[in-house]
């Protein structure tokens, strides 16, 4: 069962949940806490596993989605679903693979994997939800950066450099939170980054593309129905980086461009003018 923000008005919800194996939360990251609070009366005491499909970091608290779940629904084991998929591809039955990550008990992950797998949809189970969440959240910010480079016509070399150094930032953030490097190099890390940083189907890449062409953020967002998570995650990532002394210059540049009025040319100049150092991935 997939629960969205407006599906908790029925008194028969618990009855409807009797034959459900797991509940999928697919709300935007900034609305997950509210949605879970609405779901609490219906899920309390059920012990049902919950699957977190939202990708991002809560701006007001700096919490990952799993930390929200632990706070609001502590008695429902969670599984993080992440990886390189576009909804359109999955809906059309095109081949795709994802990560299902949980540190509760991999039995939950394996059970859900068996329930949702098909000939065209292959889940891989891991025990590193933090790594899966970091990859899924930060790649949205890096995708905006790649879109800006593309929109500003700075060339494929710059695109490749931003994506690669963006991966270094993801790994540094993951290391600060105890994520496994193998997770960050897998489907929910490098895989999701590669997909999101190269396709106009990506809401984050396409937003960066328009920013790079010189359009204003407010105008771009006003034309969109869906949420572009990287716009909000950028600030949360930067707050995290400052708190933990993690060097994330690309994410900082994206945040400055989106929220602090820094123009694209100055952003690129600042990145290219950083002191020369040894490459550390």
Protein backbone atom coordinates (compact mmCIF):
# COMPACT_ATOMS: atom_id res chain seq x y z
CA UNK A 1 0.00 0.00 0.00
CA UNK A 2 1.25 3.48 -0.90
CA UNK A 3 0.20 6.26 1.47
CA UNK A 4 0.14 9.89 0.38
CA UNK A 5 -0.63 12.98 2.44
CA UNK A 6 -4.41 12.97 1.99
CA UNK A 7 -5.34 9.33 2.56
CA UNK A 8 -5.94 9.19 6.31
CA UNK A 9 -9.50 10.47 6.57
CA UNK A 10 -11.17 7.05 6.69
CA UNK A 11 -12.13 5.24 9.89
CA UNK A 12 -11.56 1.90 8.18
CA UNK A 13 -7.85 2.44 7.52
CA UNK A 14 -6.70 -0.15 10.07
CA UNK A 15 -9.05 -2.69 8.56
CA UNK A 16 -7.64 -1.88 5.13
CA UNK A 17 -4.12 -2.49 6.50
CA UNK A 18 -4.83 -6.04 7.71
CA UNK A 19 -3.59 -7.75 4.56
CA UNK A 20 -0.82 -5.24 3.78
CA UNK A 21 2.81 -6.43 3.90
CA UNK A 22 4.37 -2.95 4.04
CA UNK A 23 3.42 0.71 3.71
CA UNK A 24 5.28 2.88 1.19
CA UNK A 25 5.70 6.59 2.00
CA UNK A 26 6.17 8.55 -1.22
CA UNK A 27 5.62 12.15 -0.06
CA UNK A 28 8.15 14.95 -0.71
CA UNK A 29 10.89 14.93 1.91
CA UNK A 30 9.79 18.19 3.58
CA UNK A 31 6.29 16.75 4.16
CA UNK A 32 7.24 13.29 5.40
CA UNK A 33 7.05 14.11 9.11
CA UNK A 34 3.54 15.58 8.82
CA UNK A 35 2.36 12.62 6.75
CA UNK A 36 3.75 10.14 9.28
CA UNK A 37 2.10 11.99 12.13
CA UNK A 38 -1.20 11.67 10.29
CA UNK A 39 -0.54 7.98 9.72
CA UNK A 40 0.46 7.26 13.32
CA UNK A 41 -3.03 6.45 14.68
CA UNK A 42 -3.55 3.95 11.87
CA UNK A 43 -0.13 2.28 12.04
CA UNK A 44 0.36 2.26 15.79
CA UNK A 45 0.44 -1.30 17.10
CA UNK A 46 0.48 -2.89 13.64
CA UNK A 47 4.23 -3.54 13.48
CA UNK A 48 4.02 -3.08 9.71
CA UNK A 49 7.31 -2.31 7.96
CA UNK A 50 7.39 1.08 6.28
CA UNK A 51 9.28 1.82 3.07
CA UNK A 52 10.82 5.29 2.74
CA UNK A 53 10.83 6.48 -0.87
CA UNK A 54 11.41 10.19 -0.15
CA UNK A 55 14.89 11.50 -0.94
CA UNK A 56 16.14 14.47 0.97
CA UNK A 57 17.04 16.04 4.32
CA UNK A 58 14.52 17.85 6.50
CA UNK A 59 15.48 21.53 6.48
CA UNK A 60 14.05 22.43 9.89
CA UNK A 61 15.87 19.63 11.76
CA UNK A 62 18.63 18.31 9.49
CA UNK A 63 17.11 14.84 9.87
CA UNK A 64 17.36 12.07 7.32
CA UNK A 65 14.10 10.38 6.40
CA UNK A 66 14.98 7.34 8.54
CA UNK A 67 15.51 9.60 11.56
CA UNK A 68 12.04 11.04 11.05
CA UNK A 69 10.64 7.51 10.90
CA UNK A 70 12.46 6.53 14.09
CA UNK A 71 11.05 9.58 15.84
CA UNK A 72 7.41 9.40 14.70
CA UNK A 73 6.90 5.66 14.07
CA UNK A 74 9.47 3.99 16.35
CA UNK A 75 7.62 0.66 16.43
CA UNK A 76 7.43 0.22 12.67
CA UNK A 77 10.68 -1.07 11.15
CA UNK A 78 11.72 0.95 8.12
CA UNK A 79 13.34 0.12 4.81
CA UNK A 80 14.90 2.76 2.52
CA UNK A 81 14.17 2.39 -1.18
CA UNK A 82 16.61 4.25 -3.41
CA UNK A 83 18.41 3.88 -6.69
CA UNK A 84 18.58 4.93 -10.31
CA UNK A 85 14.99 4.89 -11.53
CA UNK A 86 12.66 7.25 -13.33
CA UNK A 87 9.00 6.58 -12.58
CA UNK A 88 8.18 6.63 -16.28
CA UNK A 89 10.64 3.83 -17.03
CA UNK A 90 9.29 1.65 -14.22
CA UNK A 91 5.67 2.32 -15.24
CA UNK A 92 6.50 1.28 -18.80
CA UNK A 93 8.03 -1.97 -17.60
CA UNK A 94 11.56 -1.06 -18.67
CA UNK A 95 14.44 -2.77 -16.80
CA UNK A 96 15.45 -1.10 -13.54
CA UNK A 97 17.28 -1.96 -10.32
CA UNK A 98 17.09 -0.37 -6.85
CA UNK A 99 18.49 -0.67 -3.34
CA UNK A 100 16.39 -1.70 -0.33
CA UNK A 101 18.34 -0.80 2.80
CA UNK A 102 17.55 -1.51 6.43
CA UNK A 103 19.48 -1.86 9.66
CA UNK A 104 16.56 -3.42 11.53
CA UNK A 105 16.61 -6.90 10.07
CA UNK A 106 17.44 -7.79 6.50
CA UNK A 107 14.53 -10.24 6.64
CA UNK A 108 12.23 -7.24 6.25
CA UNK A 109 14.15 -6.06 3.23
CA UNK A 110 14.22 -9.49 1.64
CA UNK A 111 10.48 -9.92 2.15
CA UNK A 112 9.69 -6.58 0.54
CA UNK A 113 12.15 -7.28 -2.26
CA UNK A 114 10.33 -10.51 -3.08
CA UNK A 115 6.99 -8.69 -3.05
CA UNK A 116 7.96 -5.93 -5.46
CA UNK A 117 10.44 -7.67 -7.75
CA UNK A 118 9.56 -8.62 -11.31
CA UNK A 119 11.31 -9.55 -14.52
CA UNK A 120 11.90 -5.85 -15.15
CA UNK A 121 12.36 -4.59 -11.58
CA UNK A 122 15.24 -5.93 -9.48
CA UNK A 123 15.77 -4.85 -5.85
CA UNK A 124 19.07 -5.45 -4.03
CA UNK A 125 18.98 -5.65 -0.21
CA UNK A 126 21.65 -3.96 1.93
CA UNK A 127 22.13 -3.17 5.63
CA UNK A 128 23.24 0.44 5.15
CA UNK A 129 20.23 2.79 5.07
CA UNK A 130 22.36 5.84 5.91
CA UNK A 131 24.49 5.29 2.81
CA UNK A 132 21.42 4.83 0.65
CA UNK A 133 19.86 8.01 2.02
CA UNK A 134 22.99 10.14 1.64
CA UNK A 135 23.37 9.05 -1.97
CA UNK A 136 19.71 9.67 -2.74
CA UNK A 137 19.65 13.12 -1.13
CA UNK A 138 22.93 14.74 -2.13
CA UNK A 139 22.85 13.55 -5.75
CA UNK A 140 19.91 15.90 -6.29
CA UNK A 141 22.10 18.88 -5.43
CA UNK A 142 24.94 17.65 -7.65
CA UNK A 143 22.43 17.14 -10.48
CA UNK A 144 21.43 20.80 -10.26
CA UNK A 145 25.12 21.71 -10.56
CA UNK A 146 25.48 19.49 -13.64
CA UNK A 147 22.39 21.07 -15.15
CA UNK A 148 23.81 24.54 -14.58
CA UNK A 149 27.02 23.54 -16.36
CA UNK A 150 25.04 22.15 -19.27
CA UNK A 151 22.72 25.16 -19.50
CA UNK A 152 25.62 27.59 -19.38
CA UNK A 153 27.29 25.63 -22.22
CA UNK A 154 30.49 25.06 -20.26
CA UNK A 155 31.23 21.78 -22.03
CA UNK A 156 31.24 18.05 -21.38
CA UNK A 157 34.60 18.20 -19.60
CA UNK A 158 33.18 20.50 -16.93
CA UNK A 159 30.10 18.29 -16.65
CA UNK A 160 32.25 15.23 -16.01
CA UNK A 161 34.39 17.10 -13.48
CA UNK A 162 31.39 18.38 -11.51
CA UNK A 163 29.80 14.93 -11.37
CA UNK A 164 33.05 13.26 -10.27
CA UNK A 165 33.91 15.83 -7.63
CA UNK A 166 30.28 15.75 -6.56
CA UNK A 167 30.72 12.05 -5.86
CA UNK A 168 33.65 12.96 -3.64
CA UNK A 169 31.37 15.26 -1.64
CA UNK A 170 28.78 12.51 -1.27
CA UNK A 171 31.44 10.12 0.01
CA UNK A 172 32.79 12.68 2.49
CA UNK A 173 29.32 13.31 3.87
CA UNK A 174 28.68 9.58 4.03
CA UNK A 175 31.93 9.02 5.92
CA UNK A 176 30.93 11.64 8.49
CA UNK A 177 27.70 9.71 9.16
CA UNK A 178 29.23 6.24 9.12
CA UNK A 179 27.93 5.13 5.73
CA UNK A 180 29.65 2.31 3.91
CA UNK A 181 31.69 3.44 0.93
CA UNK A 182 30.54 0.36 -0.99
CA UNK A 183 26.95 1.61 -0.70
CA UNK A 184 27.88 5.02 -2.08
CA UNK A 185 29.55 3.36 -5.07
CA UNK A 186 26.48 1.19 -5.71
CA UNK A 187 22.99 1.70 -7.11
CA UNK A 188 21.82 4.22 -4.51
CA UNK A 189 25.03 6.26 -4.79
CA UNK A 190 26.93 6.29 -8.06
CA UNK A 191 24.03 4.71 -9.94
CA UNK A 192 21.49 7.32 -8.90
CA UNK A 193 24.03 10.11 -9.41
CA UNK A 194 24.79 8.98 -12.97
CA UNK A 195 21.11 8.86 -13.90
CA UNK A 196 20.14 12.15 -12.31
CA UNK A 197 23.09 14.13 -13.65
CA UNK A 198 22.58 13.26 -17.31
CA UNK A 199 18.90 13.31 -18.17
CA UNK A 200 16.42 16.10 -18.77
CA UNK A 201 13.84 13.76 -17.21
CA UNK A 202 15.49 14.57 -13.89
CA UNK A 203 13.65 17.45 -12.20
CA UNK A 204 16.90 18.55 -10.57
CA UNK A 205 19.06 18.42 -13.71
CA UNK A 206 16.39 20.19 -15.76
CA UNK A 207 16.07 22.94 -13.13
CA UNK A 208 19.83 23.46 -13.20
CA UNK A 209 19.66 23.57 -16.98
CA UNK A 210 17.27 26.51 -16.85
CA UNK A 211 19.31 28.27 -14.14
CA UNK A 212 22.38 27.89 -16.35
CA UNK A 213 20.50 29.56 -19.20
CA UNK A 214 19.92 32.59 -16.99
CA UNK A 215 16.37 32.06 -15.75
CA UNK A 216 15.24 32.91 -12.22
CA UNK A 217 14.52 30.14 -9.72
CA UNK A 218 11.08 31.48 -8.79
CA UNK A 219 9.98 31.53 -12.44
CA UNK A 220 11.11 27.94 -12.99
CA UNK A 221 9.40 26.63 -9.86
CA UNK A 222 6.17 28.47 -10.67
CA UNK A 223 5.83 26.41 -13.84
CA UNK A 224 6.25 23.06 -12.06
CA UNK A 225 3.70 20.81 -10.43
CA UNK A 226 6.16 18.42 -8.79
CA UNK A 227 8.79 19.02 -6.12
CA UNK A 228 12.42 19.57 -7.09
CA UNK A 229 14.01 18.16 -3.94
CA UNK A 230 17.53 19.47 -4.56
CA UNK A 231 16.35 23.06 -4.15
CA UNK A 232 15.51 22.34 -0.51
CA UNK A 233 18.19 19.75 0.16
CA UNK A 234 20.95 22.18 -0.87
CA UNK A 235 20.45 24.31 2.24
CA UNK A 236 20.14 21.29 4.53
CA UNK A 237 23.33 19.77 3.10
CA UNK A 238 25.21 23.02 3.57
CA UNK A 239 24.04 23.30 7.19
CA UNK A 240 25.21 19.74 7.77
CA UNK A 241 28.58 20.40 6.12
CA UNK A 242 29.22 23.42 8.34
CA UNK A 243 28.17 21.55 11.48
CA UNK A 244 30.45 18.59 10.78
CA UNK A 245 33.29 20.50 9.07
CA UNK A 246 32.83 18.56 5.82
CA UNK A 247 34.17 20.23 2.68
CA UNK A 248 31.34 20.37 0.11
CA UNK A 249 32.15 23.27 -2.24
CA UNK A 250 29.87 22.18 -5.10
CA UNK A 251 26.85 21.90 -2.81
CA UNK A 252 27.77 25.28 -1.32
CA UNK A 253 27.99 26.80 -4.80
CA UNK A 254 24.57 25.42 -5.73
CA UNK A 255 23.05 26.79 -2.54
CA UNK A 256 24.61 30.21 -3.15
CA UNK A 257 23.28 30.27 -6.70
CA UNK A 258 19.77 29.18 -5.72
CA UNK A 259 19.28 31.06 -2.47
CA UNK A 260 21.91 33.78 -2.07
CA UNK A 261 21.76 35.51 -5.43
CA UNK A 262 25.21 34.50 -6.66
CA UNK A 263 25.28 34.46 -10.45
CA UNK A 264 26.47 31.44 -12.41
CA UNK A 265 29.64 33.08 -13.72
CA UNK A 266 30.79 34.07 -10.23
CA UNK A 267 29.93 30.59 -8.94
CA UNK A 268 32.09 28.90 -11.56
CA UNK A 269 34.92 31.36 -11.00
CA UNK A 270 34.86 30.69 -7.26
CA UNK A 271 35.00 26.91 -7.79
CA UNK A 272 37.85 27.12 -10.28
CA UNK A 273 39.81 29.54 -8.06
CA UNK A 274 39.91 27.26 -5.02
CA UNK A 275 43.42 26.41 -3.75
CA UNK A 276 45.02 23.51 -5.61
CA UNK A 277 45.05 20.29 -3.60
CA UNK A 278 45.71 16.59 -4.00
CA UNK A 279 42.71 14.72 -5.41
CA UNK A 280 40.95 12.86 -2.60
CA UNK A 281 37.93 10.74 -3.41
